Amino acid sequence: QVRLVESGGGSVRPGGSLTLSCAASGFTFGDYGMRWYRQRPGKEREWVAVISAGGRTTTYADSVKGRFTIFRQNAKNTLFLQMNSLKPEDTAVYYCNRLTDWGQGTQVTVSS
């Protein structure tokens, strides 16, 4: 049974940083590309970043490029999203994703 469990969300002031984690189980983590998505209040879920199975290739949405970093530790079956220079518009529930599998999400709130 595939399981994705996000953690690391919280409240932070604009300009602050957070690192999200996604603990994966139930599949061979290192065989799959992984993605982060987010859903902002009143908006549809949107793609944020993707990383290849081996971790060498990453791609970002324009809205987060240069501020967010996706990375992974395959030995620990864990996906990460380092978020720097956070803005109020980054406030959202963040989800990790593999194919059609989703975690429960973790809330990030950016507010002064």
C-alpha atoms as a PDB file:
ATOM      1  CA  GLN A   1       0.000   0.000   0.000  1.00  0.00           C
ATOM      2  CA  VAL A   2       1.458   3.305  -1.109  1.00  0.00           C
ATOM      3  CA  ARG A   3       1.710   5.902   1.625  1.00  0.00           C
ATOM      4  CA  LEU A   4       2.936   9.494   1.380  1.00  0.00           C
ATOM      5  CA  VAL A   5       3.120  11.529   4.582  1.00  0.00           C
ATOM      6  CA  GLU A   6       4.016  15.209   4.441  1.00  0.00           C
ATOM      7  CA  SER A   7       5.359  17.203   7.374  1.00  0.00           C
ATOM      8  CA  GLY A   8       7.197  20.405   8.132  1.00  0.00           C
ATOM      9  CA  GLY A   9       4.512  22.956   7.427  1.00  0.00           C
ATOM     10  CA  GLY A  10       3.790  25.858   9.713  1.00  0.00           C
ATOM     11  CA  SER A  11       3.462  29.607   9.992  1.00  0.00           C
ATOM     12  CA  VAL A  12       6.293  31.886   8.926  1.00  0.00           C
ATOM     13  CA  ARG A  13       6.797  35.577   8.224  1.00  0.00           C
ATOM     14  CA  PRO A  14       7.413  36.843   4.690  1.00  0.00           C
ATOM     15  CA  GLY A  15      11.018  36.276   3.738  1.00  0.00           C
ATOM     16  CA  GLY A  16      11.271  33.256   5.976  1.00  0.00           C
ATOM     17  CA  SER A  17      12.102  29.647   5.169  1.00  0.00           C
ATOM     18  CA  LEU A  18      10.618  26.225   5.695  1.00  0.00           C
ATOM     19  CA  THR A  19      11.588  22.721   4.631  1.00  0.00           C
ATOM     20  CA  LEU A  20       8.834  20.246   3.896  1.00  0.00           C
ATOM     21  CA  SER A  21       9.334  16.498   4.033  1.00  0.00           C
ATOM     22  CA  CYS A  22       7.419  13.623   2.477  1.00  0.00           C
ATOM     23  CA  ALA A  23       7.999  10.148   3.867  1.00  0.00           C
ATOM     24  CA  ALA A  24       7.178   7.502   1.287  1.00  0.00           C
ATOM     25  CA  SER A  25       6.430   3.817   1.745  1.00  0.00           C
ATOM     26  CA  GLY A  26       4.799   0.943  -0.094  1.00  0.00           C
ATOM     27  CA  PHE A  27       6.836   1.221  -3.286  1.00  0.00           C
ATOM     28  CA  THR A  28      10.444   1.385  -4.462  1.00  0.00           C
ATOM     29  CA  PHE A  29      10.965   5.095  -3.905  1.00  0.00           C
ATOM     30  CA  GLY A  30      14.138   5.394  -5.972  1.00  0.00           C
ATOM     31  CA  ASP A  31      12.381   4.103  -9.088  1.00  0.00           C
ATOM     32  CA  TYR A  32       9.986   7.056  -9.417  1.00  0.00           C
ATOM     33  CA  GLY A  33      10.027  10.720 -10.166  1.00  0.00           C
ATOM     34  CA  MET A  34       8.243  12.707  -7.473  1.00  0.00           C
ATOM     35  CA  ARG A  35       6.343  15.971  -7.435  1.00  0.00           C
ATOM     36  CA  TRP A  36       5.205  18.679  -5.080  1.00  0.00           C
ATOM     37  CA  TYR A  37       1.894  20.398  -5.615  1.00  0.00           C
ATOM     38  CA  ARG A  38       0.082  23.056  -3.648  1.00  0.00           C
ATOM     39  CA  GLN A  39      -3.446  24.324  -3.282  1.00  0.00           C
ATOM     40  CA  ARG A  40      -3.821  27.970  -2.365  1.00  0.00           C
ATOM     41  CA  PRO A  41      -7.022  29.216  -0.717  1.00  0.00           C
ATOM     42  CA  GLY A  42      -9.809  29.386  -3.266  1.00  0.00           C
ATOM     43  CA  LYS A  43      -7.605  28.034  -6.053  1.00  0.00           C
ATOM     44  CA  GLU A  44      -7.165  24.731  -7.813  1.00  0.00           C
ATOM     45  CA  ARG A  45      -4.251  22.474  -6.974  1.00  0.00           C
ATOM     46  CA  GLU A  46      -1.148  23.484  -8.928  1.00  0.00           C
ATOM     47  CA  TRP A  47       2.139  21.826  -9.690  1.00  0.00           C
ATOM     48  CA  VAL A  48       5.201  23.267  -7.907  1.00  0.00           C
ATOM     49  CA  ALA A  49       8.230  21.106  -8.677  1.00  0.00           C
ATOM     50  CA  VAL A  50       9.337  17.729  -9.991  1.00  0.00           C
ATOM     51  CA  ILE A  51      12.458  15.652  -9.432  1.00  0.00           C
ATOM     52  CA  SER A  52      13.676  12.648 -11.374  1.00  0.00           C
ATOM     53  CA  ALA A  53      14.011   9.224  -9.810  1.00  0.00           C
ATOM     54  CA  GLY A  54      17.738   9.600  -9.304  1.00  0.00           C
ATOM     55  CA  GLY A  55      17.453  13.196  -8.196  1.00  0.00           C
ATOM     56  CA  ARG A  56      19.636  14.703 -10.909  1.00  0.00           C
ATOM     57  CA  THR A  57      16.913  16.519 -12.828  1.00  0.00           C
ATOM     58  CA  THR A  58      14.569  19.082 -11.345  1.00  0.00           C
ATOM     59  CA  THR A  59      12.040  21.480 -12.802  1.00  0.00           C
ATOM     60  CA  TYR A  60      10.084  24.252 -11.119  1.00  0.00           C
ATOM     61  CA  ALA A  61       7.000  26.335 -11.680  1.00  0.00           C
ATOM     62  CA  ASP A  62       7.908  29.897 -12.616  1.00  0.00           C
ATOM     63  CA  SER A  63       6.267  31.181  -9.441  1.00  0.00           C
ATOM     64  CA  VAL A  64       8.790  29.395  -7.203  1.00  0.00           C
ATOM     65  CA  LYS A  65      11.881  29.188  -9.403  1.00  0.00           C
ATOM     66  CA  GLY A  66      14.974  30.479  -7.628  1.00  0.00           C
ATOM     67  CA  ARG A  67      13.296  30.300  -4.199  1.00  0.00           C
ATOM     68  CA  PHE A  68      12.319  26.638  -3.779  1.00  0.00           C
ATOM     69  CA  THR A  69      14.538  23.557  -4.068  1.00  0.00           C
ATOM     70  CA  ILE A  70      13.236  20.022  -4.448  1.00  0.00           C
ATOM     71  CA  PHE A  71      15.565  17.220  -3.415  1.00  0.00           C
ATOM     72  CA  ARG A  72      15.389  13.649  -2.214  1.00  0.00           C
ATOM     73  CA  GLN A  73      17.168  11.078  -0.092  1.00  0.00           C
ATOM     74  CA  ASN A  74      16.444   7.739  -1.729  1.00  0.00           C
ATOM     75  CA  ALA A  75      18.178   5.801   1.032  1.00  0.00           C
ATOM     76  CA  LYS A  76      15.625   7.256   3.456  1.00  0.00           C
ATOM     77  CA  ASN A  77      12.618   7.146   1.099  1.00  0.00           C
ATOM     78  CA  THR A  78      12.093  10.847   1.667  1.00  0.00           C
ATOM     79  CA  LEU A  79      11.291  13.782  -0.572  1.00  0.00           C
ATOM     80  CA  PHE A  80      11.952  17.381   0.472  1.00  0.00           C
ATOM     81  CA  LEU A  81      11.010  20.888  -0.544  1.00  0.00           C
ATOM     82  CA  GLN A  82      13.263  23.674   0.734  1.00  0.00           C
ATOM     83  CA  MET A  83      11.346  26.954   0.560  1.00  0.00           C
ATOM     84  CA  ASN A  84      13.185  30.256   0.930  1.00  0.00           C
ATOM     85  CA  SER A  85      12.125  33.886   0.583  1.00  0.00           C
ATOM     86  CA  LEU A  86       8.554  32.903   1.279  1.00  0.00           C
ATOM     87  CA  LYS A  87       5.790  35.237   0.208  1.00  0.00           C
ATOM     88  CA  PRO A  88       2.182  35.529   1.397  1.00  0.00           C
ATOM     89  CA  GLU A  89       1.086  34.083  -1.941  1.00  0.00           C
ATOM     90  CA  ASP A  90       2.938  30.869  -1.069  1.00  0.00           C
ATOM     91  CA  THR A  91       0.300  30.210   1.592  1.00  0.00           C
ATOM     92  CA  ALA A  92      -1.199  26.845   0.662  1.00  0.00           C
ATOM     93  CA  VAL A  93      -1.570  23.207   1.535  1.00  0.00           C
ATOM     94  CA  TYR A  94       1.431  21.419   0.041  1.00  0.00           C
ATOM     95  CA  TYR A  95       1.161  17.854  -1.229  1.00  0.00           C
ATOM     96  CA  CYS A  96       3.679  15.319  -2.453  1.00  0.00           C
ATOM     97  CA  ASN A  97       2.720  13.139  -5.352  1.00  0.00           C
ATOM     98  CA  ARG A  98       3.694   9.988  -7.180  1.00  0.00           C
ATOM     99  CA  LEU A  99       1.581   9.146 -10.228  1.00  0.00           C
ATOM    100  CA  THR A 100      -1.970   9.052  -8.826  1.00  0.00           C
ATOM    101  CA  ASP A 101      -0.912   8.809  -5.181  1.00  0.00           C
ATOM    102  CA  TRP A 102      -1.199  11.791  -2.832  1.00  0.00           C
ATOM    103  CA  GLY A 103      -0.358  12.563   0.740  1.00  0.00           C
ATOM    104  CA  GLN A 104      -2.714  14.321   3.134  1.00  0.00           C
ATOM    105  CA  GLY A 105      -0.919  17.633   2.744  1.00  0.00           C
ATOM    106  CA  THR A 106       0.802  20.037   5.106  1.00  0.00           C
ATOM    107  CA  GLN A 107      -0.302  23.630   5.665  1.00  0.00           C
ATOM    108  CA  VAL A 108       2.095  26.496   5.023  1.00  0.00           C
ATOM    109  CA  THR A 109       1.009  29.962   6.078  1.00  0.00           C
ATOM    110  CA  VAL A 110       3.083  33.033   5.250  1.00  0.00           C
ATOM    111  CA  SER A 111       1.898  36.117   7.063  1.00  0.00           C
ATOM    112  CA  SER A 112       3.224  39.098   8.937  1.00  0.00           C
END
